[in-house]
C-alpha atoms as a PDB file:
ATOM      1  CA  UNK A   1      57.484 110.762  24.980  1.00  0.00           C
ATOM      2  CA  UNK A   2      60.230 108.979  26.819  1.00  0.00           C
ATOM      3  CA  UNK A   3      63.657 109.280  25.227  1.00  0.00           C
ATOM      4  CA  UNK A   4      64.204 105.611  24.432  1.00  0.00           C
ATOM      5  CA  UNK A   5      60.872 105.542  22.658  1.00  0.00           C
ATOM      6  CA  UNK A   6      61.893 108.570  20.651  1.00  0.00           C
ATOM      7  CA  UNK A   7      65.174 106.943  19.703  1.00  0.00           C
ATOM      8  CA  UNK A   8      63.401 103.809  18.492  1.00  0.00           C
ATOM      9  CA  UNK A   9      60.875 105.976  16.569  1.00  0.00           C
ATOM     10  CA  UNK A  10      63.820 107.790  14.892  1.00  0.00           C
ATOM     11  CA  UNK A  11      65.399 104.468  13.998  1.00  0.00           C
ATOM     12  CA  UNK A  12      62.194 103.307  12.340  1.00  0.00           C
ATOM     13  CA  UNK A  13      61.742 106.627  10.639  1.00  0.00           C
ATOM     14  CA  UNK A  14      65.358 106.538   9.406  1.00  0.00           C
ATOM     15  CA  UNK A  15      64.861 103.055   7.971  1.00  0.00           C
ATOM     16  CA  UNK A  16      61.687 104.004   6.159  1.00  0.00           C
ATOM     17  CA  UNK A  17      62.971 107.268   4.770  1.00  0.00           C
ATOM     18  CA  UNK A  18      66.147 105.734   3.539  1.00  0.00           C
ATOM     19  CA  UNK A  19      64.014 103.178   1.662  1.00  0.00           C
ATOM     20  CA  UNK A  20      61.992 105.968   0.063  1.00  0.00           C
ATOM     21  CA  UNK A  21      65.089 107.901  -0.942  1.00  0.00           C
ATOM     22  CA  UNK A  22      66.930 104.845  -2.249  1.00  0.00           C
ATOM     23  CA  UNK A  23      63.895 103.676  -4.267  1.00  0.00           C
ATOM     24  CA  UNK A  24      63.694 107.107  -5.899  1.00  0.00           C
ATOM     25  CA  UNK A  25      67.408 107.300  -6.494  1.00  0.00           C
ATOM     26  CA  UNK A  26      67.341 103.833  -7.984  1.00  0.00           C
ATOM     27  CA  UNK A  27      65.173 105.223 -10.814  1.00  0.00           C
ATOM     28  CA  UNK A  28      67.917 107.561 -11.975  1.00  0.00           C
ATOM     29  CA  UNK A  29      70.249 106.561 -14.683  1.00  0.00           C
ATOM     30  CA  UNK A  30      73.934 106.432 -13.612  1.00  0.00           C
ATOM     31  CA  UNK A  31      74.868 109.757 -15.219  1.00  0.00           C
ATOM     32  CA  UNK A  32      72.064 111.526 -13.265  1.00  0.00           C
ATOM     33  CA  UNK A  33      73.043 109.770 -10.088  1.00  0.00           C
ATOM     34  CA  UNK A  34      76.631 110.952 -10.181  1.00  0.00           C
ATOM     35  CA  UNK A  35      76.114 114.403 -11.748  1.00  0.00           C
ATOM     36  CA  UNK A  36      77.401 117.190  -9.586  1.00  0.00           C
ATOM     37  CA  UNK A  37      74.412 119.215  -8.475  1.00  0.00           C
ATOM     38  CA  UNK A  38      75.824 121.747  -6.109  1.00  0.00           C
ATOM     39  CA  UNK A  39      75.043 119.774  -2.979  1.00  0.00           C
ATOM     40  CA  UNK A  40      77.532 119.509  -0.065  1.00  0.00           C
ATOM     41  CA  UNK A  41      78.693 116.111  -1.350  1.00  0.00           C
ATOM     42  CA  UNK A  42      78.133 116.851  -4.977  1.00  0.00           C
ATOM     43  CA  UNK A  43      75.730 114.320  -6.437  1.00  0.00           C
ATOM     44  CA  UNK A  44      72.855 112.157  -5.252  1.00  0.00           C
ATOM     45  CA  UNK A  45      75.184 109.208  -5.020  1.00  0.00           C
ATOM     46  CA  UNK A  46      77.846 111.298  -3.238  1.00  0.00           C
ATOM     47  CA  UNK A  47      75.289 112.403  -0.676  1.00  0.00           C
ATOM     48  CA  UNK A  48      73.953 108.917  -0.163  1.00  0.00           C
ATOM     49  CA  UNK A  49      77.538 107.735   0.333  1.00  0.00           C
ATOM     50  CA  UNK A  50      78.090 110.529   2.867  1.00  0.00           C
ATOM     51  CA  UNK A  51      75.053 109.352   4.809  1.00  0.00           C
ATOM     52  CA  UNK A  52      76.518 105.850   4.972  1.00  0.00           C
ATOM     53  CA  UNK A  53      79.950 107.237   5.950  1.00  0.00           C
ATOM     54  CA  UNK A  54      78.416 109.386   8.714  1.00  0.00           C
ATOM     55  CA  UNK A  55      76.383 106.529  10.035  1.00  0.00           C
ATOM     56  CA  UNK A  56      79.380 104.167  10.025  1.00  0.00           C
ATOM     57  CA  UNK A  57      81.543 106.719  11.793  1.00  0.00           C
ATOM     58  CA  UNK A  58      79.057 107.395  14.553  1.00  0.00           C
ATOM     59  CA  UNK A  59      78.065 103.730  14.961  1.00  0.00           C
ATOM     60  CA  UNK A  60      81.721 102.770  15.184  1.00  0.00           C
ATOM     61  CA  UNK A  61      82.037 105.404  18.056  1.00  0.00           C
ATOM     62  CA  UNK A  62      78.857 104.255  19.707  1.00  0.00           C
ATOM     63  CA  UNK A  63      80.213 100.668  19.526  1.00  0.00           C
ATOM     64  CA  UNK A  64      82.806 101.717  22.131  1.00  0.00           C
ATOM     65  CA  UNK A  65      80.155 102.193  24.745  1.00  0.00           C
ATOM     66  CA  UNK A  66      80.888 100.110  27.820  1.00  0.00           C
ATOM     67  CA  UNK A  67      77.507  98.306  27.426  1.00  0.00           C
ATOM     68  CA  UNK A  68      79.030  96.674  24.254  1.00  0.00           C
ATOM     69  CA  UNK A  69      75.636  96.506  22.558  1.00  0.00           C
ATOM     70  CA  UNK A  70      75.492  93.205  20.617  1.00  0.00           C
ATOM     71  CA  UNK A  71      73.634  94.765  17.693  1.00  0.00           C
ATOM     72  CA  UNK A  72      76.741  96.753  16.925  1.00  0.00           C
ATOM     73  CA  UNK A  73      79.010  93.699  16.529  1.00  0.00           C
ATOM     74  CA  UNK A  74      78.923  93.970  12.759  1.00  0.00           C
ATOM     75  CA  UNK A  75      80.093  97.565  12.994  1.00  0.00           C
ATOM     76  CA  UNK A  76      82.972  96.587  15.290  1.00  0.00           C
ATOM     77  CA  UNK A  77      84.121  94.124  12.565  1.00  0.00           C
ATOM     78  CA  UNK A  78      84.337  96.807   9.882  1.00  0.00           C
ATOM     79  CA  UNK A  79      86.918  99.504   9.057  1.00  0.00           C
ATOM     80  CA  UNK A  80      85.793 103.044   9.794  1.00  0.00           C
ATOM     81  CA  UNK A  81      85.640 105.404   6.825  1.00  0.00           C
ATOM     82  CA  UNK A  82      88.606 107.692   6.529  1.00  0.00           C
ATOM     83  CA  UNK A  83      86.951 110.742   4.983  1.00  0.00           C
ATOM     84  CA  UNK A  84      83.499 112.413   5.085  1.00  0.00           C
ATOM     85  CA  UNK A  85      83.376 112.460   1.273  1.00  0.00           C
ATOM     86  CA  UNK A  86      84.563 108.838   0.894  1.00  0.00           C
ATOM     87  CA  UNK A  87      82.830 107.003  -1.838  1.00  0.00           C
ATOM     88  CA  UNK A  88      82.012 103.598  -0.386  1.00  0.00           C
ATOM     89  CA  UNK A  89      79.752 102.564  -3.247  1.00  0.00           C
ATOM     90  CA  UNK A  90      79.926 103.433  -7.035  1.00  0.00           C
ATOM     91  CA  UNK A  91      76.499 102.049  -7.818  1.00  0.00           C
ATOM     92  CA  UNK A  92      73.069 102.453  -6.308  1.00  0.00           C
ATOM     93  CA  UNK A  93      72.575  98.668  -6.166  1.00  0.00           C
ATOM     94  CA  UNK A  94      75.620  98.154  -3.980  1.00  0.00           C
ATOM     95  CA  UNK A  95      74.727 101.100  -1.723  1.00  0.00           C
ATOM     96  CA  UNK A  96      71.094  99.958  -1.350  1.00  0.00           C
ATOM     97  CA  UNK A  97      72.132  96.386  -0.293  1.00  0.00           C
ATOM     98  CA  UNK A  98      74.400  97.771   2.472  1.00  0.00           C
ATOM     99  CA  UNK A  99      71.925 100.548   3.461  1.00  0.00           C
ATOM    100  CA  UNK A 100      69.331  97.884   4.289  1.00  0.00           C
ATOM    101  CA  UNK A 101      71.765  95.956   6.390  1.00  0.00           C
ATOM    102  CA  UNK A 102      72.980  99.094   8.242  1.00  0.00           C
ATOM    103  CA  UNK A 103      69.395 100.309   8.920  1.00  0.00           C
ATOM    104  CA  UNK A 104      68.482  96.945  10.359  1.00  0.00           C
ATOM    105  CA  UNK A 105      71.523  97.266  12.707  1.00  0.00           C
ATOM    106  CA  UNK A 106      70.417 100.711  13.791  1.00  0.00           C
ATOM    107  CA  UNK A 107      66.869  99.485  14.464  1.00  0.00           C
ATOM    108  CA  UNK A 108      68.164  96.521  16.473  1.00  0.00           C
ATOM    109  CA  UNK A 109      70.611  98.683  18.390  1.00  0.00           C
ATOM    110  CA  UNK A 110      67.803 101.176  19.245  1.00  0.00           C
ATOM    111  CA  UNK A 111      65.876  98.286  20.796  1.00  0.00           C
ATOM    112  CA  UNK A 112      68.877  97.224  22.833  1.00  0.00           C
ATOM    113  CA  UNK A 113      69.637 100.638  24.303  1.00  0.00           C
ATOM    114  CA  UNK A 114      68.802 101.225  28.032  1.00  0.00           C
ATOM    115  CA  UNK A 115      68.051 104.525  29.687  1.00  0.00           C
ATOM    116  CA  UNK A 116      71.293 104.404  31.716  1.00  0.00           C
ATOM    117  CA  UNK A 117      73.287 104.002  28.452  1.00  0.00           C
ATOM    118  CA  UNK A 118      72.222 107.480  27.423  1.00  0.00           C
ATOM    119  CA  UNK A 119      73.867 109.220  30.354  1.00  0.00           C
ATOM    120  CA  UNK A 120      77.312 107.766  29.601  1.00  0.00           C
ATOM    121  CA  UNK A 121      79.983 110.369  28.533  1.00  0.00           C
ATOM    122  CA  UNK A 122      81.330 108.978  25.351  1.00  0.00           C
ATOM    123  CA  UNK A 123      84.908 109.747  24.514  1.00  0.00           C
ATOM    124  CA  UNK A 124      85.830 109.869  20.840  1.00  0.00           C
ATOM    125  CA  UNK A 125      87.998 111.654  18.361  1.00  0.00           C
ATOM    126  CA  UNK A 126      86.782 113.634  15.348  1.00  0.00           C
ATOM    127  CA  UNK A 127      87.919 112.841  11.869  1.00  0.00           C
ATOM    128  CA  UNK A 128      90.620 115.603  12.449  1.00  0.00           C
ATOM    129  CA  UNK A 129      91.798 113.836  15.604  1.00  0.00           C
ATOM    130  CA  UNK A 130      90.199 116.246  18.068  1.00  0.00           C
ATOM    131  CA  UNK A 131      89.221 114.519  21.283  1.00  0.00           C
ATOM    132  CA  UNK A 132      85.678 115.007  22.615  1.00  0.00           C
ATOM    133  CA  UNK A 133      83.686 113.863  25.602  1.00  0.00           C
ATOM    134  CA  UNK A 134      79.876 114.174  25.183  1.00  0.00           C
ATOM    135  CA  UNK A 135      76.751 112.611  26.542  1.00  0.00           C
ATOM    136  CA  UNK A 136      75.632 109.471  24.562  1.00  0.00           C
ATOM    137  CA  UNK A 137      71.978 110.581  24.436  1.00  0.00           C
ATOM    138  CA  UNK A 138      72.801 113.900  22.873  1.00  0.00           C
ATOM    139  CA  UNK A 139      75.125 112.273  20.405  1.00  0.00           C
ATOM    140  CA  UNK A 140      72.377 109.795  19.402  1.00  0.00           C
ATOM    141  CA  UNK A 141      70.057 112.789  18.692  1.00  0.00           C
ATOM    142  CA  UNK A 142      72.786 114.329  16.575  1.00  0.00           C
ATOM    143  CA  UNK A 143      73.174 111.008  14.725  1.00  0.00           C
ATOM    144  CA  UNK A 144      69.510 111.064  13.674  1.00  0.00           C
ATOM    145  CA  UNK A 145      69.523 114.801  13.017  1.00  0.00           C
ATOM    146  CA  UNK A 146      72.377 114.439  10.674  1.00  0.00           C
ATOM    147  CA  UNK A 147      70.560 111.767   8.679  1.00  0.00           C
ATOM    148  CA  UNK A 148      67.455 113.956   8.436  1.00  0.00           C
ATOM    149  CA  UNK A 149      69.545 116.974   7.275  1.00  0.00           C
ATOM    150  CA  UNK A 150      71.076 115.147   4.388  1.00  0.00           C
ATOM    151  CA  UNK A 151      67.901 113.296   3.386  1.00  0.00           C
ATOM    152  CA  UNK A 152      66.321 116.693   3.042  1.00  0.00           C
ATOM    153  CA  UNK A 153      68.998 117.628   0.575  1.00  0.00           C
ATOM    154  CA  UNK A 154      68.433 114.326  -1.227  1.00  0.00           C
ATOM    155  CA  UNK A 155      64.687 115.012  -1.325  1.00  0.00           C
ATOM    156  CA  UNK A 156      65.290 118.296  -3.066  1.00  0.00           C
ATOM    157  CA  UNK A 157      67.878 116.863  -5.474  1.00  0.00           C
ATOM    158  CA  UNK A 158      65.507 114.077  -6.470  1.00  0.00           C
ATOM    159  CA  UNK A 159      62.492 116.392  -6.698  1.00  0.00           C
ATOM    160  CA  UNK A 160      64.457 118.669  -9.054  1.00  0.00           C
ATOM    161  CA  UNK A 161      64.789 115.591 -11.290  1.00  0.00           C
ATOM    162  CA  UNK A 162      61.083 114.780 -11.245  1.00  0.00           C
ATOM    163  CA  UNK A 163      61.043 112.252  -8.347  1.00  0.00           C
ATOM    164  CA  UNK A 164      58.860 112.719  -5.264  1.00  0.00           C
ATOM    165  CA  UNK A 165      60.004 110.464  -2.425  1.00  0.00           C
ATOM    166  CA  UNK A 166      56.699 110.713  -0.669  1.00  0.00           C
ATOM    167  CA  UNK A 167      55.823 111.675   2.849  1.00  0.00           C
ATOM    168  CA  UNK A 168      58.950 112.712   4.858  1.00  0.00           C
ATOM    169  CA  UNK A 169      57.534 114.501   7.957  1.00  0.00           C
ATOM    170  CA  UNK A 170      58.259 112.765  11.233  1.00  0.00           C
ATOM    171  CA  UNK A 171      54.703 113.625  12.172  1.00  0.00           C
ATOM    172  CA  UNK A 172      53.310 110.837  10.095  1.00  0.00           C
ATOM    173  CA  UNK A 173      55.429 108.262  12.024  1.00  0.00           C
ATOM    174  CA  UNK A 174      54.358 109.424  15.442  1.00  0.00           C
ATOM    175  CA  UNK A 175      51.684 107.065  16.790  1.00  0.00           C
ATOM    176  CA  UNK A 176      48.182 108.541  17.168  1.00  0.00           C
ATOM    177  CA  UNK A 177      47.090 108.908  20.823  1.00  0.00           C
ATOM    178  CA  UNK A 178      43.559 108.409  21.963  1.00  0.00           C
END
């Protein structure tokens, strides 16, 4: 599979899995949503917020690419989160509204990317101010891997509370070949 097609597949997968996770999380009462459950970011809502924070941080960095991808214009207009554990949303409703918008941006951006964009060495600073220079294509793979990692945690947290988010394997999103 060609890399751009894989990135687009991952964007679609990301959008669908976020929908499944958010629908299940939306069935929890507020106390269950915010209860500390021993996850890296504490609660279901804390982990969902971290996913948003991570996505915004990386998309803000990607928006600095010289191609100036138009799909990332809404990201350029927003403030970057200041901490990985930042709580952007205190309710599932607010988070879900913004998650849908952000996932649509990611899908649009994935369609706008060109092969030559992936070879660019992106310069950015970590949350601790450490400067890095890494290949854009590899960073995009990290971006999607990070989402999958934390959605796996969310799947477990939700399952422990009696909610099955459904099929999560990427395999089910890979088109069948003849």
